[in-house]
C-alpha atoms as a PDB file:
ATOM      1  CA  MET A   1      -0.118   0.090  -0.375  1.00  0.00           C
ATOM      2  CA  ASN A   2       2.336   1.936  -1.124  1.00  0.00           C
ATOM      3  CA  HIS A   3       0.873   4.674  -3.351  1.00  0.00           C
ATOM      4  CA  VAL A   4       0.346   8.144  -2.278  1.00  0.00           C
ATOM      5  CA  HIS A   5      -1.560   9.795  -5.503  1.00  0.00           C
ATOM      6  CA  THR A   6      -2.305  12.994  -7.008  1.00  0.00           C
ATOM      7  CA  HIS A   7      -4.008  11.404  -9.585  1.00  0.00           C
ATOM      8  CA  THR A   8      -1.016  11.391 -11.794  1.00  0.00           C
ATOM      9  CA  PRO A   9      -1.488   7.535 -12.862  1.00  0.00           C
ATOM     10  CA  HIS A  10       1.688   5.446 -12.779  1.00  0.00           C
ATOM     11  CA  HIS A  11       0.441   2.937 -15.155  1.00  0.00           C
ATOM     12  CA  GLY A  12       0.176   5.157 -18.549  1.00  0.00           C
ATOM     13  CA  ALA A  13       2.005   6.041 -21.233  1.00  0.00           C
ATOM     14  CA  SER A  14       3.635   9.138 -21.850  1.00  0.00           C
ATOM     15  CA  HIS A  15       7.060  10.591 -22.793  1.00  0.00           C
ATOM     16  CA  GLY A  16       9.688  13.758 -23.126  1.00  0.00           C
ATOM     17  CA  HIS A  17      11.841  15.097 -20.544  1.00  0.00           C
ATOM     18  CA  HIS A  18       9.317  16.739 -18.391  1.00  0.00           C
ATOM     19  CA  HIS A  19       7.576  13.265 -18.115  1.00  0.00           C
ATOM     20  CA  GLU A  20      10.964  11.612 -17.022  1.00  0.00           C
ATOM     21  CA  HIS A  21      11.337  14.513 -14.226  1.00  0.00           C
ATOM     22  CA  ALA A  22       8.077  13.832 -13.088  1.00  0.00           C
ATOM     23  CA  MET A  23       8.431  10.210 -13.027  1.00  0.00           C
ATOM     24  CA  ASP A  24      11.554  10.771 -10.974  1.00  0.00           C
ATOM     25  CA  GLY A  25       9.636  12.607  -8.359  1.00  0.00           C
ATOM     26  CA  GLN A  26       6.658  10.268  -8.445  1.00  0.00           C
ATOM     27  CA  ALA A  27       9.244   7.303  -7.567  1.00  0.00           C
ATOM     28  CA  GLU A  28      10.803   9.338  -4.665  1.00  0.00           C
ATOM     29  CA  ILE A  29       6.883   9.953  -3.448  1.00  0.00           C
ATOM     30  CA  LEU A  30       6.517   6.293  -3.599  1.00  0.00           C
ATOM     31  CA  ASP A  31       9.565   5.132  -1.861  1.00  0.00           C
ATOM     32  CA  LEU A  32       8.982   7.271   1.175  1.00  0.00           C
ATOM     33  CA  ASP A  33       5.269   6.119   1.244  1.00  0.00           C
ATOM     34  CA  ALA A  34       6.646   2.612   1.586  1.00  0.00           C
ATOM     35  CA  GLU A  35       9.324   3.751   4.429  1.00  0.00           C
ATOM     36  CA  VAL A  36       6.700   5.995   6.145  1.00  0.00           C
ATOM     37  CA  LEU A  37       3.860   3.576   5.948  1.00  0.00           C
ATOM     38  CA  ALA A  38       5.580   0.270   6.451  1.00  0.00           C
ATOM     39  CA  GLU A  39       3.911  -0.650   9.720  1.00  0.00           C
ATOM     40  CA  TYR A  40       0.405  -0.140   8.170  1.00  0.00           C
ATOM     41  CA  THR A  41       1.227  -1.792   4.840  1.00  0.00           C
ATOM     42  CA  ALA A  42       2.377  -4.930   7.076  1.00  0.00           C
ATOM     43  CA  SER A  43      -0.741  -4.878   8.948  1.00  0.00           C
ATOM     44  CA  ILE A  44      -2.643  -5.460   6.358  1.00  0.00           C
ATOM     45  CA  THR A  45       0.018  -8.494   4.701  1.00  0.00           C
ATOM     46  CA  ALA A  46      -1.377 -10.143   8.179  1.00  0.00           C
ATOM     47  CA  TRP A  47      -4.958  -9.558   7.664  1.00  0.00           C
ATOM     48  CA  LEU A  48      -5.614 -10.918   4.547  1.00  0.00           C
ATOM     49  CA  PRO A  49      -7.978 -13.821   4.730  1.00  0.00           C
ATOM     50  CA  LEU A  50      -5.981 -16.328   3.026  1.00  0.00           C
ATOM     51  CA  GLN A  51      -6.402 -19.989   3.204  1.00  0.00           C
ATOM     52  CA  THR A  52      -2.954 -20.922   2.537  1.00  0.00           C
ATOM     53  CA  ALA A  53       0.200 -19.025   2.482  1.00  0.00           C
ATOM     54  CA  PRO A  54       0.565 -18.034  -1.307  1.00  0.00           C
ATOM     55  CA  HIS A  55       2.847 -19.205  -3.424  1.00  0.00           C
ATOM     56  CA  HIS A  56       2.534 -17.152  -6.759  1.00  0.00           C
ATOM     57  CA  ILE A  57       1.561 -13.264  -6.142  1.00  0.00           C
ATOM     58  CA  VAL A  58       0.530 -10.417  -8.658  1.00  0.00           C
ATOM     59  CA  ASP A  59       1.017  -6.799  -7.482  1.00  0.00           C
ATOM     60  CA  LEU A  60      -0.747  -5.294 -10.347  1.00  0.00           C
ATOM     61  CA  GLY A  61       0.706  -1.436 -10.159  1.00  0.00           C
ATOM     62  CA  CYS A  62       3.111  -2.042  -8.456  1.00  0.00           C
ATOM     63  CA  GLY A  63       5.005   1.033  -8.907  1.00  0.00           C
ATOM     64  CA  THR A  64       8.573   1.463  -6.815  1.00  0.00           C
ATOM     65  CA  GLY A  65       7.441  -1.737  -5.050  1.00  0.00           C
ATOM     66  CA  ALA A  66       6.127  -1.363  -1.249  1.00  0.00           C
ATOM     67  CA  GLY A  67       3.839  -3.895  -1.956  1.00  0.00           C
ATOM     68  CA  THR A  68       6.306  -6.628  -3.413  1.00  0.00           C
ATOM     69  CA  PHE A  69       8.382  -6.171  -0.823  1.00  0.00           C
ATOM     70  CA  ALA A  70       5.833  -6.184   1.931  1.00  0.00           C
ATOM     71  CA  LEU A  71       4.272  -9.348   0.244  1.00  0.00           C
ATOM     72  CA  LEU A  72       7.684 -10.831   0.119  1.00  0.00           C
ATOM     73  CA  ASP A  73       8.555 -10.257   3.536  1.00  0.00           C
ATOM     74  CA  ARG A  74       5.086 -11.749   4.633  1.00  0.00           C
ATOM     75  CA  PHE A  75       5.251 -14.608   2.966  1.00  0.00           C
ATOM     76  CA  PRO A  76       8.957 -16.230   2.920  1.00  0.00           C
ATOM     77  CA  ASP A  77       7.899 -18.833   0.562  1.00  0.00           C
ATOM     78  CA  ALA A  78       6.350 -16.522  -2.356  1.00  0.00           C
ATOM     79  CA  HIS A  79       7.634 -15.190  -5.452  1.00  0.00           C
ATOM     80  CA  VAL A  80       6.058 -11.894  -6.878  1.00  0.00           C
ATOM     81  CA  THR A  81       5.343 -11.046 -10.353  1.00  0.00           C
ATOM     82  CA  ALA A  82       5.480  -7.432 -10.180  1.00  0.00           C
ATOM     83  CA  VAL A  83       3.247  -5.555 -13.226  1.00  0.00           C
ATOM     84  CA  ASP A  84       3.813  -1.757 -13.693  1.00  0.00           C
ATOM     85  CA  ALA A  85       3.693   0.358 -17.132  1.00  0.00           C
ATOM     86  CA  SER A  86       6.907   2.468 -15.912  1.00  0.00           C
ATOM     87  CA  ALA A  87       9.868   1.335 -16.807  1.00  0.00           C
ATOM     88  CA  GLU A  88      11.623   3.485 -14.302  1.00  0.00           C
ATOM     89  CA  HIS A  89       9.432   2.309 -11.643  1.00  0.00           C
ATOM     90  CA  LEU A  90      10.319  -1.417 -12.406  1.00  0.00           C
ATOM     91  CA  GLN A  91      14.205  -0.752 -12.451  1.00  0.00           C
ATOM     92  CA  ARG A  92      13.625   0.844  -9.582  1.00  0.00           C
ATOM     93  CA  LEU A  93      12.166  -2.352  -8.000  1.00  0.00           C
ATOM     94  CA  ARG A  94      14.656  -4.630  -9.250  1.00  0.00           C
ATOM     95  CA  THR A  95      17.036  -2.689  -8.072  1.00  0.00           C
ATOM     96  CA  LYS A  96      15.990  -2.778  -4.418  1.00  0.00           C
ATOM     97  CA  ALA A  97      15.232  -6.668  -4.983  1.00  0.00           C
ATOM     98  CA  CYS A  98      19.324  -7.443  -5.898  1.00  0.00           C
ATOM     99  CA  THR A  99      19.675  -4.873  -2.656  1.00  0.00           C
ATOM    100  CA  ARG A 100      17.607  -7.001  -0.293  1.00  0.00           C
ATOM    101  CA  SER A 101      18.733 -10.358  -1.893  1.00  0.00           C
ATOM    102  CA  VAL A 102      15.442 -11.961  -3.165  1.00  0.00           C
ATOM    103  CA  GLU A 103      15.667 -10.802  -6.950  1.00  0.00           C
ATOM    104  CA  GLU A 104      14.988 -14.627  -7.712  1.00  0.00           C
ATOM    105  CA  ARG A 105      11.678 -14.265  -6.153  1.00  0.00           C
ATOM    106  CA  VAL A 106      10.729 -10.847  -7.931  1.00  0.00           C
ATOM    107  CA  ARG A 107       9.956 -11.156 -11.933  1.00  0.00           C
ATOM    108  CA  THR A 108       8.769  -7.688 -13.402  1.00  0.00           C
ATOM    109  CA  VAL A 109       6.827  -7.278 -16.382  1.00  0.00           C
ATOM    110  CA  GLN A 110       5.913  -3.984 -18.257  1.00  0.00           C
ATOM    111  CA  THR A 111       2.185  -3.363 -19.463  1.00  0.00           C
ATOM    112  CA  ASP A 112      -0.460  -0.596 -19.196  1.00  0.00           C
ATOM    113  CA  LEU A 113      -3.337  -2.164 -17.137  1.00  0.00           C
ATOM    114  CA  ASP A 114      -5.613  -0.375 -19.541  1.00  0.00           C
ATOM    115  CA  ASP A 115      -4.696  -2.836 -22.762  1.00  0.00           C
ATOM    116  CA  GLU A 116      -7.612  -5.078 -22.982  1.00  0.00           C
ATOM    117  CA  ALA A 117      -5.454  -8.148 -23.347  1.00  0.00           C
ATOM    118  CA  TRP A 118      -2.864  -8.741 -20.523  1.00  0.00           C
ATOM    119  CA  PRO A 119       0.211 -10.760 -20.878  1.00  0.00           C
ATOM    120  CA  ASP A 120       0.432 -13.829 -19.253  1.00  0.00           C
ATOM    121  CA  LEU A 121       0.636 -13.487 -15.397  1.00  0.00           C
ATOM    122  CA  GLY A 122       0.551 -17.092 -14.759  1.00  0.00           C
ATOM    123  CA  SER A 123      -2.392 -18.273 -12.263  1.00  0.00           C
ATOM    124  CA  PRO A 124      -1.518 -16.418  -9.078  1.00  0.00           C
ATOM    125  CA  ASP A 125      -2.706 -17.709  -5.563  1.00  0.00           C
ATOM    126  CA  LEU A 126      -3.227 -13.698  -4.643  1.00  0.00           C
ATOM    127  CA  VAL A 127      -3.178 -10.636  -6.515  1.00  0.00           C
ATOM    128  CA  TRP A 128      -2.818  -7.311  -4.898  1.00  0.00           C
ATOM    129  CA  ALA A 129      -3.695  -3.722  -6.224  1.00  0.00           C
ATOM    130  CA  SER A 130      -2.547  -0.568  -4.110  1.00  0.00           C
ATOM    131  CA  ALA A 131      -3.900   2.193  -4.878  1.00  0.00           C
ATOM    132  CA  SER A 132      -4.016   1.698  -8.679  1.00  0.00           C
ATOM    133  CA  MET A 133      -7.753   0.710  -9.392  1.00  0.00           C
ATOM    134  CA  HIS A 134      -8.873   3.839  -9.005  1.00  0.00           C
ATOM    135  CA  HIS A 135      -6.636   4.862 -12.138  1.00  0.00           C
ATOM    136  CA  MET A 136      -7.789   2.257 -14.589  1.00  0.00           C
ATOM    137  CA  ALA A 137     -10.227   3.609 -17.409  1.00  0.00           C
ATOM    138  CA  HIS A 138     -11.795   0.027 -17.490  1.00  0.00           C
ATOM    139  CA  PRO A 139     -11.471  -1.674 -14.137  1.00  0.00           C
ATOM    140  CA  ASP A 140     -14.638  -3.531 -15.088  1.00  0.00           C
ATOM    141  CA  ARG A 141     -12.167  -5.067 -17.698  1.00  0.00           C
ATOM    142  CA  ALA A 142      -9.554  -5.375 -15.055  1.00  0.00           C
ATOM    143  CA  LEU A 143     -11.530  -7.432 -13.180  1.00  0.00           C
ATOM    144  CA  ARG A 144     -12.729  -9.994 -15.962  1.00  0.00           C
ATOM    145  CA  ASN A 145      -9.006 -10.228 -16.325  1.00  0.00           C
ATOM    146  CA  VAL A 146      -8.111 -10.623 -12.578  1.00  0.00           C
ATOM    147  CA  HIS A 147     -10.628 -13.270 -12.033  1.00  0.00           C
ATOM    148  CA  ASP A 148      -9.686 -14.925 -14.811  1.00  0.00           C
ATOM    149  CA  ALA A 149      -6.041 -15.001 -14.174  1.00  0.00           C
ATOM    150  CA  LEU A 150      -6.468 -16.082 -10.018  1.00  0.00           C
ATOM    151  CA  ALA A 151      -6.209 -19.772  -9.270  1.00  0.00           C
ATOM    152  CA  PRO A 152      -9.958 -20.916  -8.236  1.00  0.00           C
ATOM    153  CA  GLY A 153     -10.032 -20.038  -4.463  1.00  0.00           C
ATOM    154  CA  GLY A 154      -7.283 -17.287  -5.118  1.00  0.00           C
ATOM    155  CA  LEU A 155      -7.712 -14.067  -3.526  1.00  0.00           C
ATOM    156  CA  PHE A 156      -8.052 -10.636  -5.185  1.00  0.00           C
ATOM    157  CA  ALA A 157      -7.234  -7.448  -2.176  1.00  0.00           C
ATOM    158  CA  VAL A 158      -7.679  -4.225  -3.469  1.00  0.00           C
ATOM    159  CA  VAL A 159      -6.200  -1.169  -1.390  1.00  0.00           C
ATOM    160  CA  GLU A 160      -7.296   2.055  -1.715  1.00  0.00           C
ATOM    161  CA  LEU A 161      -7.118   5.582  -0.082  1.00  0.00           C
ATOM    162  CA  ALA A 162     -10.597   5.928   1.349  1.00  0.00           C
ATOM    163  CA  GLY A 163     -12.536   8.712   0.177  1.00  0.00           C
ATOM    164  CA  HIS A 164     -11.361   7.747  -3.301  1.00  0.00           C
ATOM    165  CA  PRO A 165     -14.475   6.749  -5.422  1.00  0.00           C
ATOM    166  CA  ARG A 166     -17.314   5.585  -2.659  1.00  0.00           C
ATOM    167  CA  PHE A 167     -19.421   2.480  -3.799  1.00  0.00           C
ATOM    168  CA  LEU A 168     -22.975   2.492  -3.689  1.00  0.00           C
ATOM    169  CA  PRO A 169     -24.965   2.014  -0.084  1.00  0.00           C
ATOM    170  CA  GLU A 170     -27.201  -1.265   0.411  1.00  0.00           C
ATOM    171  CA  ASN A 171     -30.526   0.694  -0.839  1.00  0.00           C
ATOM    172  CA  ALA A 172     -29.128   2.534  -3.653  1.00  0.00           C
ATOM    173  CA  PRO A 173     -29.897   3.147  -6.614  1.00  0.00           C
ATOM    174  CA  GLU A 174     -33.326   3.783  -5.886  1.00  0.00           C
ATOM    175  CA  ASP A 175     -34.675   1.773  -8.350  1.00  0.00           C
ATOM    176  CA  ARG A 176     -32.463  -0.641  -8.786  1.00  0.00           C
ATOM    177  CA  PRO A 177     -31.589  -1.793  -4.863  1.00  0.00           C
ATOM    178  CA  GLY A 178     -28.979  -3.877  -4.019  1.00  0.00           C
ATOM    179  CA  LEU A 179     -27.445  -3.501  -7.465  1.00  0.00           C
ATOM    180  CA  GLU A 180     -23.664  -3.223  -5.836  1.00  0.00           C
ATOM    181  CA  GLU A 181     -24.054  -6.940  -4.381  1.00  0.00           C
ATOM    182  CA  ARG A 182     -25.300  -8.285  -7.874  1.00  0.00           C
ATOM    183  CA  VAL A 183     -22.659  -6.785  -9.916  1.00  0.00           C
ATOM    184  CA  HIS A 184     -19.758  -8.780  -7.107  1.00  0.00           C
ATOM    185  CA  ALA A 185     -21.642 -11.728  -7.419  1.00  0.00           C
ATOM    186  CA  ALA A 186     -21.901 -11.745 -11.240  1.00  0.00           C
ATOM    187  CA  ALA A 187     -17.979 -11.055 -11.510  1.00  0.00           C
ATOM    188  CA  GLY A 188     -17.635 -14.090  -9.723  1.00  0.00           C
ATOM    189  CA  PHE A 189     -15.815 -12.829  -6.749  1.00  0.00           C
ATOM    190  CA  THR A 190     -17.461 -13.099  -2.869  1.00  0.00           C
ATOM    191  CA  VAL A 191     -16.130  -9.826  -0.702  1.00  0.00           C
ATOM    192  CA  GLU A 192     -14.708 -11.886   2.269  1.00  0.00           C
ATOM    193  CA  GLY A 193     -13.297  -8.860   4.129  1.00  0.00           C
ATOM    194  CA  GLU A 194     -13.276  -5.323   4.332  1.00  0.00           C
ATOM    195  CA  ARG A 195     -11.143  -3.099   6.472  1.00  0.00           C
ATOM    196  CA  THR A 196     -10.137   0.282   6.863  1.00  0.00           C
ATOM    197  CA  ILE A 197      -7.033   1.595   8.572  1.00  0.00           C
ATOM    198  CA  ALA A 198      -6.458   5.447   9.926  1.00  0.00           C
ATOM    199  CA  VAL A 199      -3.214   6.568   9.943  1.00  0.00           C
ATOM    200  CA  ASP A 200      -2.204   8.740  12.349  1.00  0.00           C
ATOM    201  CA  PHE A 201       1.070   9.384  13.854  1.00  0.00           C
ATOM    202  CA  GLU A 202       3.569  11.788  15.055  1.00  0.00           C
ATOM    203  CA  GLY A 203       6.594  12.985  12.353  1.00  0.00           C
ATOM    204  CA  SER A 204       8.907  15.288  14.844  1.00  0.00           C
ATOM    205  CA  ARG A 205      11.863  12.639  14.781  1.00  0.00           C
ATOM    206  CA  SER A 206      11.350  11.610  11.525  1.00  0.00           C
ATOM    207  CA  GLU A 207      13.215  13.222   8.299  1.00  0.00           C
ATOM    208  CA  ALA A 208      11.508  10.765   6.153  1.00  0.00           C
ATOM    209  CA  ILE A 209       8.553  12.229   7.134  1.00  0.00           C
ATOM    210  CA  GLY A 210       9.576  15.864   6.121  1.00  0.00           C
ATOM    211  CA  ARG A 211      10.886  14.492   2.724  1.00  0.00           C
ATOM    212  CA  TYR A 212       7.719  13.161   2.228  1.00  0.00           C
ATOM    213  CA  ALA A 213       5.489  15.984   3.067  1.00  0.00           C
ATOM    214  CA  THR A 214       7.373  18.491   0.878  1.00  0.00           C
ATOM    215  CA  GLY A 215       7.423  15.633  -2.107  1.00  0.00           C
ATOM    216  CA  VAL A 216       3.408  15.477  -1.838  1.00  0.00           C
ATOM    217  CA  LEU A 217       2.447  18.975  -1.224  1.00  0.00           C
ATOM    218  CA  GLN A 218       4.900  19.910  -4.245  1.00  0.00           C
ATOM    219  CA  ARG A 219       2.773  16.934  -6.482  1.00  0.00           C
ATOM    220  CA  ILE A 220      -0.490  18.953  -4.893  1.00  0.00           C
ATOM    221  CA  ARG A 221       1.173  22.753  -5.451  1.00  0.00           C
ATOM    222  CA  SER A 222       1.419  21.713  -9.193  1.00  0.00           C
ATOM    223  CA  VAL A 223      -2.488  21.130  -9.897  1.00  0.00           C
ATOM    224  CA  ILE A 224      -4.140  23.862  -7.391  1.00  0.00           C
ATOM    225  CA  ALA A 225      -1.497  26.912  -7.223  1.00  0.00           C
ATOM    226  CA  GLY A 226      -4.123  28.752  -9.573  1.00  0.00           C
ATOM    227  CA  ARG A 227      -6.898  28.120  -6.969  1.00  0.00           C
ATOM    228  CA  LEU A 228      -4.738  29.983  -4.011  1.00  0.00           C
ATOM    229  CA  SER A 229      -5.115  33.011  -2.730  1.00  0.00           C
ATOM    230  CA  PRO A 230      -2.016  34.552  -3.286  1.00  0.00           C
ATOM    231  CA  GLU A 231      -1.364  35.057   0.332  1.00  0.00           C
ATOM    232  CA  ASP A 232      -1.878  30.962   0.642  1.00  0.00           C
ATOM    233  CA  LEU A 233       0.494  30.598  -2.222  1.00  0.00           C
ATOM    234  CA  THR A 234       3.765  32.785  -0.691  1.00  0.00           C
ATOM    235  CA  ALA A 235       2.977  30.627   2.788  1.00  0.00           C
ATOM    236  CA  LEU A 236       2.957  27.467   0.499  1.00  0.00           C
ATOM    237  CA  ASP A 237       5.860  28.402  -1.565  1.00  0.00           C
ATOM    238  CA  GLN A 238       7.797  29.137   1.956  1.00  0.00           C
ATOM    239  CA  LEU A 239       6.980  25.550   3.606  1.00  0.00           C
ATOM    240  CA  LEU A 240       8.286  24.097  -0.109  1.00  0.00           C
ATOM    241  CA  ASP A 241      11.543  26.315  -0.203  1.00  0.00           C
ATOM    242  CA  THR A 242      14.365  24.048   1.866  1.00  0.00           C
ATOM    243  CA  SER A 243      16.665  27.216   2.184  1.00  0.00           C
ATOM    244  CA  SER A 244      13.696  29.111   4.241  1.00  0.00           C
ATOM    245  CA  PRO A 245      13.683  29.218   7.535  1.00  0.00           C
ATOM    246  CA  HIS A 246       9.813  28.305   7.526  1.00  0.00           C
ATOM    247  CA  SER A 247      10.679  25.043   5.349  1.00  0.00           C
ATOM    248  CA  ILE A 248       8.581  22.073   6.329  1.00  0.00           C
ATOM    249  CA  LEU A 249      11.838  20.208   6.798  1.00  0.00           C
ATOM    250  CA  ARG A 250      12.576  22.650   9.928  1.00  0.00           C
ATOM    251  CA  ARG A 251       9.536  21.970  11.493  1.00  0.00           C
ATOM    252  CA  ASP A 252       9.277  19.499  14.750  1.00  0.00           C
ATOM    253  CA  ASP A 253       5.182  19.430  15.008  1.00  0.00           C
ATOM    254  CA  LEU A 254       4.744  17.074  11.640  1.00  0.00           C
ATOM    255  CA  THR A 255       2.277  14.184  11.687  1.00  0.00           C
ATOM    256  CA  VAL A 256       0.811  11.655   8.943  1.00  0.00           C
ATOM    257  CA  ARG A 257      -2.813  11.263   9.080  1.00  0.00           C
ATOM    258  CA  THR A 258      -4.508   9.470   6.264  1.00  0.00           C
ATOM    259  CA  GLU A 259      -7.000   6.485   5.484  1.00  0.00           C
ATOM    260  CA  ARG A 260      -6.528   3.279   3.587  1.00  0.00           C
ATOM    261  CA  THR A 261      -9.458   1.015   3.109  1.00  0.00           C
ATOM    262  CA  VAL A 262      -8.453  -2.798   1.914  1.00  0.00           C
ATOM    263  CA  TRP A 263     -10.912  -4.998   0.612  1.00  0.00           C
ATOM    264  CA  ALA A 264     -10.495  -8.864  -0.266  1.00  0.00           C
ATOM    265  CA  ALA A 265     -12.560 -10.792  -2.704  1.00  0.00           C
ATOM    266  CA  ARG A 266     -12.368 -14.591  -3.434  1.00  0.00           C
ATOM    267  CA  ARG A 267     -12.699 -16.040  -6.665  1.00  0.00           C
ATOM    268  CA  THR A 268     -15.661 -18.485  -6.417  1.00  0.00           C
END
């Protein structure tokens, strides 16, 4: 669980110098997200309602590998197929795998998850998708692809930022109540568990928290600068100026607050 997103897809195809710079920045944020929230990612992997320890895991939209390595740590006999469209992210993941001496347990596959046909991912016991499903243009097609790839009885775990696209309540829509449950049933999945994890801890003693906050706020600024008052923009820029006495890196009152929700569904 591994990704902090400001609606910059990491599995689409783009090119050019600006893209490379943006990808480098995003990769750094993904790495910091993994470092800062490692404990929470581990708690999710421990919670998964698995019937047996998986041997083959697919990490969809793996980014730089936060989920991949959390899963390798949790399941020491498993191999992970890490899937992403970004060659830069996959290269960074492979470098980490070598550093951790687990390169023989990791296979990387470069593909766009919005493609109609996915490459052969084998027959995994567990498919993990952390903060990647909401970026997909055709999530229904992706669900079918996951269902068809999973071994019978295999588990699909979806981790998302709570507050991103909400799902229907049981009594909605008014003319077809219960529609969502029927959609899940038609897809061939049975939801076996749902859990929301609230993250709220102080970061005053962690240098990584300051870099994490700076990276995330810089990406948000690039999107919303035109909607801020001049006074707010000036204050934000002071926080982001690492040479300023007001830099966020100099603060000792930082906290991390977010929510993540995980769903686990079994192929029936």
